C-alpha atoms as a PDB file:
ATOM      1  CA  MET A   1     -13.915  -2.914 -15.134  1.00  0.00           C
ATOM      2  CA  PHE A   2     -15.070   0.535 -13.976  1.00  0.00           C
ATOM      3  CA  GLU A   3     -18.212   2.635 -14.937  1.00  0.00           C
ATOM      4  CA  LYS A   4     -17.718   6.236 -15.839  1.00  0.00           C
ATOM      5  CA  ILE A   5     -20.316   9.171 -15.214  1.00  0.00           C
ATOM      6  CA  ASP A   6     -19.588  12.483 -16.635  1.00  0.00           C
ATOM      7  CA  ILE A   7     -21.105  15.203 -14.148  1.00  0.00           C
ATOM      8  CA  ASP A   8     -21.846  18.638 -15.006  1.00  0.00           C
ATOM      9  CA  SER A   9     -22.679  20.215 -11.727  1.00  0.00           C
ATOM     10  CA  HIS A  10     -22.632  24.057 -10.894  1.00  0.00           C
ATOM     11  CA  LYS A  11     -19.027  23.830 -10.138  1.00  0.00           C
ATOM     12  CA  GLY A  12     -18.027  22.597 -13.260  1.00  0.00           C
ATOM     13  CA  LYS A  13     -17.383  19.365 -15.233  1.00  0.00           C
ATOM     14  CA  TYR A  14     -15.611  16.181 -13.497  1.00  0.00           C
ATOM     15  CA  LEU A  15     -15.948  12.504 -13.926  1.00  0.00           C
ATOM     16  CA  VAL A  16     -16.912   9.833 -11.334  1.00  0.00           C
ATOM     17  CA  TYR A  17     -15.762   6.341 -11.735  1.00  0.00           C
ATOM     18  CA  PHE A  18     -17.483   3.395 -10.120  1.00  0.00           C
ATOM     19  CA  GLU A  19     -15.033   0.385  -9.555  1.00  0.00           C
ATOM     20  CA  PRO A  20     -16.204  -2.714  -7.799  1.00  0.00           C
ATOM     21  CA  GLU A  21     -12.924  -3.870  -6.936  1.00  0.00           C
ATOM     22  CA  LEU A  22     -11.226  -1.315  -4.597  1.00  0.00           C
ATOM     23  CA  PRO A  23      -7.603  -3.078  -4.588  1.00  0.00           C
ATOM     24  CA  HIS A  24      -7.665  -2.377  -8.230  1.00  0.00           C
ATOM     25  CA  ILE A  25      -8.309   1.394  -7.740  1.00  0.00           C
ATOM     26  CA  LEU A  26      -5.898   1.809  -4.773  1.00  0.00           C
ATOM     27  CA  LYS A  27      -3.150   0.144  -7.098  1.00  0.00           C
ATOM     28  CA  HIS A  28      -3.670   1.633 -10.259  1.00  0.00           C
ATOM     29  CA  GLN A  29      -4.354   5.352  -9.342  1.00  0.00           C
ATOM     30  CA  LYS A  30      -1.832   7.946  -7.515  1.00  0.00           C
ATOM     31  CA  ALA A  31      -3.249   8.117  -4.002  1.00  0.00           C
ATOM     32  CA  ASP A  32      -3.531  11.912  -4.139  1.00  0.00           C
ATOM     33  CA  GLN A  33      -5.863  11.738  -7.429  1.00  0.00           C
ATOM     34  CA  VAL A  34      -8.469   9.289  -5.536  1.00  0.00           C
ATOM     35  CA  HIS A  35     -11.203  10.463  -3.101  1.00  0.00           C
ATOM     36  CA  PHE A  36     -13.699   8.142  -1.458  1.00  0.00           C
ATOM     37  CA  ILE A  37     -17.016   9.785   0.029  1.00  0.00           C
ATOM     38  CA  ILE A  38     -18.614   6.972   1.724  1.00  0.00           C
ATOM     39  CA  ASP A  39     -21.962   6.930   3.443  1.00  0.00           C
ATOM     40  CA  ALA A  40     -21.638   6.694   7.300  1.00  0.00           C
ATOM     41  CA  ASN A  41     -24.146   3.630   7.638  1.00  0.00           C
ATOM     42  CA  VAL A  42     -22.060   1.972   4.842  1.00  0.00           C
ATOM     43  CA  ALA A  43     -18.711   2.510   6.700  1.00  0.00           C
ATOM     44  CA  ASN A  44     -20.131   0.828   9.955  1.00  0.00           C
ATOM     45  CA  LEU A  45     -21.780  -1.894   8.137  1.00  0.00           C
ATOM     46  CA  TYR A  46     -18.658  -2.700   6.201  1.00  0.00           C
ATOM     47  CA  ASN A  47     -16.004  -1.284   8.283  1.00  0.00           C
ATOM     48  CA  GLU A  48     -13.630  -4.349   8.195  1.00  0.00           C
ATOM     49  CA  GLU A  49     -14.282  -4.474   4.041  1.00  0.00           C
ATOM     50  CA  LEU A  50     -13.380  -0.906   3.789  1.00  0.00           C
ATOM     51  CA  LYS A  51     -10.694  -0.563   6.249  1.00  0.00           C
ATOM     52  CA  ILE A  52      -8.157   0.229   3.458  1.00  0.00           C
ATOM     53  CA  VAL A  53     -10.332   2.746   1.994  1.00  0.00           C
ATOM     54  CA  ILE A  54     -11.662   4.308   5.356  1.00  0.00           C
ATOM     55  CA  SER A  55      -7.909   4.767   6.672  1.00  0.00           C
ATOM     56  CA  GLN A  56      -6.943   7.092   3.173  1.00  0.00           C
ATOM     57  CA  LYS A  57      -6.397  10.732   4.057  1.00  0.00           C
ATOM     58  CA  ASN A  58      -8.809  11.425   0.734  1.00  0.00           C
ATOM     59  CA  THR A  59     -11.815   9.531   2.271  1.00  0.00           C
ATOM     60  CA  ILE A  60     -14.570  11.691   3.498  1.00  0.00           C
ATOM     61  CA  ILE A  61     -17.461   9.672   5.491  1.00  0.00           C
ATOM     62  CA  ILE A  62     -20.677  11.647   5.607  1.00  0.00           C
ATOM     63  CA  GLU A  63     -24.107  11.304   7.460  1.00  0.00           C
ATOM     64  CA  ALA A  64     -26.340  10.831   4.207  1.00  0.00           C
ATOM     65  CA  THR A  65     -29.085  13.630   5.470  1.00  0.00           C
ATOM     66  CA  GLU A  66     -30.814  15.470   2.530  1.00  0.00           C
ATOM     67  CA  LYS A  67     -28.749  18.575   3.847  1.00  0.00           C
ATOM     68  CA  ASN A  68     -25.245  16.598   3.475  1.00  0.00           C
ATOM     69  CA  LYS A  69     -26.104  15.658  -0.105  1.00  0.00           C
ATOM     70  CA  SER A  70     -25.831  19.382  -1.074  1.00  0.00           C
ATOM     71  CA  LEU A  71     -22.700  20.950  -2.899  1.00  0.00           C
ATOM     72  CA  GLU A  72     -23.986  24.086  -1.702  1.00  0.00           C
ATOM     73  CA  GLN A  73     -22.470  24.004   1.968  1.00  0.00           C
END
């Protein structure tokens, strides 16, 4: 089961879901409605486990620096 968090940012409101079972997300959501943001260190450490997610077109891999954590860019 996933956990849902309501976000109220300067760009508007949106929902973020945290799901421990990646196949569940990919099976039950439309591909164009799911976006993944993954820390580059996590992507490197868990490359094999995240292969199916990393290959998705809506996946963004970021360097988790303080500058990159801002939506102001």
